[in-house]
Amino acid sequence: MLILFQSKSAAEVLMFAQHARPILVAAGKKFDTPDLPERGVITRAQLDAAIAGVEALVETDTSHNDHADEHDDATEHPIAQPVGMRRRAWPLLTMLRLARAKGEDVTWEPAPIW
């Protein structure tokens, strides 16, 4: 399922549910089932803890070296590289930070079908 994150202070963020779940767990959300609920909210009161949790998750990501020489012919082409948690979480983390600065909630729901 494709999840749409929304906040008045940032552009929408799309993410697959299986990728969003670990980020939301790091943000302090608890789920009773292995599936991500279709709808949810990170309230403005929860944003500080959510941001700290996602930042901690990003810091533990060792799957990508951001300082690698991008022009080295020996490195793997970017399309062949796996997407690490750092890159996957960045758009949502940015949204959380902007929402905190503006005092707004962040919500998620299923993305509309195009």
N, C-alpha and C. Protein backbone atom coordinates (compact mmCIF):
# COMPACT_ATOMS: atom_id res chain seq x y z
N MET A 1 0.85 -1.17 0.00
CA MET A 1 0.00 0.00 0.00
C MET A 1 0.89 1.24 0.00
N LEU A 2 0.48 2.23 -0.74
CA LEU A 2 1.19 3.50 -0.81
C LEU A 2 0.57 4.45 0.20
N ILE A 3 1.40 5.05 1.06
CA ILE A 3 0.95 5.93 2.13
C ILE A 3 1.28 7.38 1.76
N LEU A 4 0.34 8.26 2.06
CA LEU A 4 0.51 9.69 1.82
C LEU A 4 0.61 10.40 3.17
N PHE A 5 1.74 11.03 3.43
CA PHE A 5 1.92 11.84 4.64
C PHE A 5 1.60 13.27 4.28
N GLN A 6 0.88 13.96 5.17
CA GLN A 6 0.48 15.34 4.91
C GLN A 6 0.67 16.21 6.15
N SER A 7 1.03 17.46 5.87
CA SER A 7 1.10 18.50 6.88
C SER A 7 0.91 19.81 6.15
N LYS A 8 0.31 20.77 6.81
CA LYS A 8 0.10 22.07 6.17
C LYS A 8 1.41 22.78 5.88
N SER A 9 2.47 22.41 6.59
CA SER A 9 3.73 23.14 6.49
C SER A 9 4.72 22.56 5.48
N ALA A 10 4.37 21.45 4.81
CA ALA A 10 5.32 20.82 3.90
C ALA A 10 4.59 20.16 2.74
N ALA A 11 5.35 19.86 1.72
CA ALA A 11 4.79 19.11 0.59
C ALA A 11 4.47 17.69 1.03
N GLU A 12 3.54 17.06 0.34
CA GLU A 12 3.16 15.69 0.68
C GLU A 12 4.33 14.74 0.44
N VAL A 13 4.36 13.66 1.24
CA VAL A 13 5.40 12.65 1.11
C VAL A 13 4.70 11.32 0.85
N LEU A 14 5.13 10.62 -0.20
CA LEU A 14 4.61 9.30 -0.53
C LEU A 14 5.63 8.25 -0.13
N MET A 15 5.14 7.14 0.43
CA MET A 15 6.04 6.09 0.86
C MET A 15 5.27 4.78 0.90
N PHE A 16 5.92 3.69 0.55
CA PHE A 16 5.29 2.38 0.70
C PHE A 16 5.12 2.08 2.19
N ALA A 17 4.04 1.40 2.53
CA ALA A 17 3.73 1.11 3.93
C ALA A 17 4.85 0.32 4.61
N GLN A 18 5.43 -0.65 3.90
CA GLN A 18 6.49 -1.46 4.51
C GLN A 18 7.74 -0.65 4.80
N HIS A 19 7.93 0.46 4.11
CA HIS A 19 9.07 1.33 4.39
C HIS A 19 8.72 2.38 5.45
N ALA A 20 7.46 2.78 5.50
CA ALA A 20 7.02 3.78 6.47
C ALA A 20 6.95 3.21 7.88
N ARG A 21 6.58 1.94 8.01
CA ARG A 21 6.37 1.35 9.33
C ARG A 21 7.58 1.47 10.25
N PRO A 22 8.79 1.06 9.85
CA PRO A 22 9.93 1.19 10.77
C PRO A 22 10.24 2.64 11.14
N ILE A 23 9.97 3.56 10.24
CA ILE A 23 10.19 4.97 10.55
C ILE A 23 9.18 5.44 11.58
N LEU A 24 7.93 5.03 11.42
CA LEU A 24 6.90 5.41 12.39
C LEU A 24 7.12 4.75 13.75
N VAL A 25 7.63 3.53 13.75
CA VAL A 25 7.97 2.87 15.02
C VAL A 25 9.09 3.64 15.72
N ALA A 26 10.08 4.06 14.95
CA ALA A 26 11.17 4.87 15.53
C ALA A 26 10.63 6.20 16.04
N ALA A 27 9.57 6.70 15.40
CA ALA A 27 8.96 7.97 15.82
C ALA A 27 8.09 7.81 17.05
N GLY A 28 7.98 6.58 17.56
CA GLY A 28 7.24 6.36 18.80
C GLY A 28 5.84 5.81 18.62
N LYS A 29 5.45 5.50 17.40
CA LYS A 29 4.13 4.93 17.16
C LYS A 29 4.16 3.43 17.47
N LYS A 30 3.13 2.96 18.14
CA LYS A 30 3.02 1.54 18.46
C LYS A 30 1.84 0.97 17.70
N PHE A 31 2.03 -0.21 17.12
CA PHE A 31 0.99 -0.84 16.32
C PHE A 31 0.70 -2.23 16.88
N ASP A 32 -0.59 -2.57 16.94
CA ASP A 32 -1.01 -3.86 17.47
C ASP A 32 -0.89 -4.99 16.45
N THR A 33 -0.80 -4.65 15.19
CA THR A 33 -0.72 -5.64 14.13
C THR A 33 0.55 -5.40 13.32
N PRO A 34 0.96 -6.39 12.53
CA PRO A 34 2.16 -6.18 11.71
C PRO A 34 1.93 -5.18 10.57
N ASP A 35 0.68 -4.93 10.25
CA ASP A 35 0.37 -3.99 9.18
C ASP A 35 0.26 -2.57 9.73
N LEU A 36 0.55 -1.62 8.88
CA LEU A 36 0.42 -0.20 9.23
C LEU A 36 -1.05 0.18 9.15
N PRO A 37 -1.59 0.85 10.17
CA PRO A 37 -2.97 1.31 10.07
C PRO A 37 -3.12 2.26 8.88
N GLU A 38 -4.28 2.24 8.26
CA GLU A 38 -4.50 3.08 7.08
C GLU A 38 -4.37 4.56 7.38
N ARG A 39 -4.81 4.96 8.55
CA ARG A 39 -4.77 6.38 8.90
C ARG A 39 -4.12 6.56 10.28
N GLY A 40 -3.47 7.70 10.42
CA GLY A 40 -2.85 7.98 11.70
C GLY A 40 -2.39 9.42 11.77
N VAL A 41 -1.90 9.79 12.95
CA VAL A 41 -1.47 11.17 13.16
C VAL A 41 -0.28 11.18 14.11
N ILE A 42 0.62 12.10 13.85
CA ILE A 42 1.67 12.47 14.80
C ILE A 42 1.30 13.88 15.22
N THR A 43 0.86 14.02 16.44
CA THR A 43 0.39 15.32 16.91
C THR A 43 1.56 16.25 17.17
N ARG A 44 1.25 17.53 17.23
CA ARG A 44 2.32 18.51 17.50
C ARG A 44 2.99 18.25 18.84
N ALA A 45 2.25 17.68 19.80
CA ALA A 45 2.85 17.35 21.10
C ALA A 45 3.82 16.18 21.00
N GLN A 46 3.65 15.33 19.99
CA GLN A 46 4.51 14.16 19.82
C GLN A 46 5.71 14.42 18.91
N LEU A 47 5.78 15.58 18.30
CA LEU A 47 6.79 15.84 17.27
C LEU A 47 8.22 15.81 17.80
N ASP A 48 8.48 16.37 18.98
CA ASP A 48 9.85 16.37 19.51
C ASP A 48 10.37 14.94 19.67
N ALA A 49 9.58 14.09 20.28
CA ALA A 49 9.98 12.69 20.48
C ALA A 49 10.08 11.95 19.15
N ALA A 50 9.15 12.24 18.23
CA ALA A 50 9.17 11.58 16.93
C ALA A 50 10.43 11.95 16.15
N ILE A 51 10.78 13.21 16.15
CA ILE A 51 11.98 13.66 15.44
C ILE A 51 13.22 13.03 16.05
N ALA A 52 13.31 13.02 17.37
CA ALA A 52 14.47 12.41 18.04
C ALA A 52 14.59 10.93 17.69
N GLY A 53 13.46 10.23 17.65
CA GLY A 53 13.47 8.81 17.33
C GLY A 53 13.90 8.54 15.89
N VAL A 54 13.41 9.32 14.96
CA VAL A 54 13.79 9.14 13.55
C VAL A 54 15.25 9.53 13.35
N GLU A 55 15.69 10.58 14.01
CA GLU A 55 17.11 10.97 13.91
C GLU A 55 18.01 9.85 14.44
N ALA A 56 17.61 9.22 15.53
CA ALA A 56 18.39 8.10 16.08
C ALA A 56 18.42 6.93 15.10
N LEU A 57 17.30 6.66 14.45
CA LEU A 57 17.24 5.60 13.44
C LEU A 57 18.17 5.90 12.28
N VAL A 58 18.15 7.12 11.82
CA VAL A 58 19.00 7.54 10.70
C VAL A 58 20.48 7.43 11.08
N GLU A 59 20.82 7.79 12.29
CA GLU A 59 22.22 7.73 12.74
C GLU A 59 22.75 6.31 12.78
N THR A 60 21.89 5.33 13.01
CA THR A 60 22.34 3.94 13.07
C THR A 60 22.41 3.29 11.71
N ASP A 61 21.99 3.98 10.66
CA ASP A 61 21.99 3.43 9.31
C ASP A 61 23.42 3.38 8.78
N THR A 62 23.90 2.19 8.52
CA THR A 62 25.24 2.02 7.98
C THR A 62 25.21 1.50 6.55
N SER A 63 24.04 1.50 5.94
CA SER A 63 23.89 0.90 4.61
C SER A 63 24.38 1.79 3.48
N HIS A 64 24.67 3.06 3.76
CA HIS A 64 25.10 3.96 2.70
C HIS A 64 26.18 4.89 3.21
N ASN A 65 27.21 5.05 2.41
CA ASN A 65 28.29 5.96 2.75
C ASN A 65 28.06 7.27 2.00
N ASP A 66 27.60 8.29 2.70
CA ASP A 66 27.32 9.58 2.06
C ASP A 66 28.57 10.29 1.58
N HIS A 67 29.74 9.87 2.01
CA HIS A 67 30.97 10.57 1.65
C HIS A 67 31.73 9.86 0.53
N ALA A 68 31.11 8.88 -0.10
CA ALA A 68 31.78 8.16 -1.19
C ALA A 68 31.97 9.08 -2.38
N ASP A 69 33.05 8.85 -3.11
CA ASP A 69 33.31 9.64 -4.31
C ASP A 69 32.34 9.21 -5.40
N GLU A 70 31.46 10.10 -5.79
CA GLU A 70 30.43 9.78 -6.76
C GLU A 70 30.98 9.64 -8.17
N HIS A 71 32.20 10.08 -8.41
CA HIS A 71 32.77 10.03 -9.75
C HIS A 71 33.76 8.88 -9.91
N ASP A 72 33.85 8.04 -8.94
CA ASP A 72 34.74 6.89 -9.00
C ASP A 72 34.09 5.83 -9.89
N ASP A 73 34.79 5.40 -10.95
CA ASP A 73 34.23 4.42 -11.88
C ASP A 73 34.07 3.04 -11.24
N ALA A 74 34.76 2.80 -10.15
CA ALA A 74 34.68 1.50 -9.49
C ALA A 74 33.43 1.36 -8.63
N THR A 75 32.78 2.46 -8.29
CA THR A 75 31.59 2.38 -7.45
C THR A 75 30.40 1.91 -8.26
N GLU A 76 29.48 1.31 -7.59
CA GLU A 76 28.26 0.80 -8.20
C GLU A 76 27.38 1.97 -8.66
N HIS A 77 26.72 1.79 -9.78
CA HIS A 77 25.83 2.82 -10.30
C HIS A 77 24.73 3.08 -9.26
N PRO A 78 24.32 4.34 -9.04
CA PRO A 78 23.33 4.67 -8.01
C PRO A 78 22.01 3.90 -8.16
N ILE A 79 21.60 3.58 -9.37
CA ILE A 79 20.33 2.87 -9.55
C ILE A 79 20.42 1.44 -9.02
N ALA A 80 21.63 0.91 -8.95
CA ALA A 80 21.83 -0.45 -8.46
C ALA A 80 22.04 -0.51 -6.95
N GLN A 81 22.23 0.63 -6.33
CA GLN A 81 22.48 0.67 -4.89
C GLN A 81 21.16 0.57 -4.12
N PRO A 82 21.17 -0.14 -3.01
CA PRO A 82 19.95 -0.17 -2.18
C PRO A 82 19.71 1.19 -1.54
N VAL A 83 18.45 1.48 -1.27
CA VAL A 83 18.10 2.74 -0.61
C VAL A 83 18.20 2.52 0.89
N GLY A 84 19.07 3.24 1.54
CA GLY A 84 19.25 3.11 2.98
C GLY A 84 18.19 3.90 3.75
N MET A 85 18.14 3.63 5.02
CA MET A 85 17.15 4.29 5.88
C MET A 85 17.37 5.80 5.92
N ARG A 86 18.59 6.23 5.81
CA ARG A 86 18.89 7.67 5.84
C ARG A 86 18.17 8.39 4.70
N ARG A 87 18.28 7.87 3.50
CA ARG A 87 17.61 8.49 2.35
C ARG A 87 16.11 8.27 2.39
N ARG A 88 15.69 7.12 2.85
CA ARG A 88 14.26 6.81 2.87
C ARG A 88 13.52 7.69 3.87
N ALA A 89 14.14 7.98 5.01
CA ALA A 89 13.48 8.74 6.07
C ALA A 89 13.58 10.25 5.89
N TRP A 90 14.51 10.71 5.06
CA TRP A 90 14.79 12.15 4.97
C TRP A 90 13.57 13.00 4.64
N PRO A 91 12.74 12.66 3.63
CA PRO A 91 11.59 13.53 3.34
C PRO A 91 10.60 13.63 4.50
N LEU A 92 10.35 12.50 5.18
CA LEU A 92 9.42 12.53 6.31
C LEU A 92 10.03 13.28 7.49
N LEU A 93 11.32 13.08 7.73
CA LEU A 93 11.98 13.81 8.81
C LEU A 93 11.93 15.32 8.57
N THR A 94 12.13 15.72 7.34
CA THR A 94 12.03 17.14 6.98
C THR A 94 10.62 17.65 7.24
N MET A 95 9.61 16.86 6.87
CA MET A 95 8.23 17.25 7.12
C MET A 95 7.97 17.40 8.62
N LEU A 96 8.47 16.47 9.42
CA LEU A 96 8.28 16.53 10.87
C LEU A 96 8.91 17.79 11.45
N ARG A 97 10.09 18.13 10.98
CA ARG A 97 10.77 19.33 11.48
C ARG A 97 10.01 20.60 11.10
N LEU A 98 9.52 20.68 9.87
CA LEU A 98 8.74 21.84 9.45
C LEU A 98 7.43 21.94 10.23
N ALA A 99 6.79 20.80 10.46
CA ALA A 99 5.54 20.79 11.22
C ALA A 99 5.78 21.26 12.66
N ARG A 100 6.90 20.85 13.23
CA ARG A 100 7.23 21.30 14.59
C ARG A 100 7.44 22.81 14.62
N ALA A 101 8.13 23.33 13.62
CA ALA A 101 8.40 24.77 13.57
C ALA A 101 7.11 25.57 13.44
N LYS A 102 6.11 25.01 12.76
CA LYS A 102 4.84 25.71 12.56
C LYS A 102 3.76 25.30 13.55
N GLY A 103 4.06 24.32 14.41
CA GLY A 103 3.08 23.86 15.40
C GLY A 103 1.90 23.12 14.79
N GLU A 104 2.17 22.25 13.82
CA GLU A 104 1.11 21.53 13.11
C GLU A 104 1.28 20.02 13.25
N ASP A 105 0.19 19.30 13.04
CA ASP A 105 0.19 17.84 13.07
C ASP A 105 0.65 17.29 11.72
N VAL A 106 1.08 16.03 11.74
CA VAL A 106 1.38 15.29 10.52
C VAL A 106 0.45 14.09 10.50
N THR A 107 -0.24 13.89 9.39
CA THR A 107 -1.18 12.78 9.26
C THR A 107 -0.74 11.86 8.13
N TRP A 108 -1.25 10.62 8.16
CA TRP A 108 -1.04 9.72 7.03
C TRP A 108 -2.34 9.00 6.71
N GLU A 109 -2.46 8.62 5.44
CA GLU A 109 -3.62 7.91 4.93
C GLU A 109 -3.22 7.23 3.64
N PRO A 110 -4.06 6.32 3.13
CA PRO A 110 -3.71 5.69 1.85
C PRO A 110 -3.65 6.75 0.74
N ALA A 111 -2.69 6.59 -0.14
CA ALA A 111 -2.57 7.53 -1.26
C ALA A 111 -3.72 7.30 -2.22
N PRO A 112 -4.21 8.37 -2.84
CA PRO A 112 -5.28 8.19 -3.81
C PRO A 112 -4.78 7.42 -5.03
N ILE A 113 -5.68 6.73 -5.66
CA ILE A 113 -5.34 5.99 -6.88
C ILE A 113 -5.40 6.96 -8.05
N TRP A 114 -4.32 6.96 -8.83
CA TRP A 114 -4.27 7.90 -9.94
C TRP A 114 -4.99 7.34 -11.12
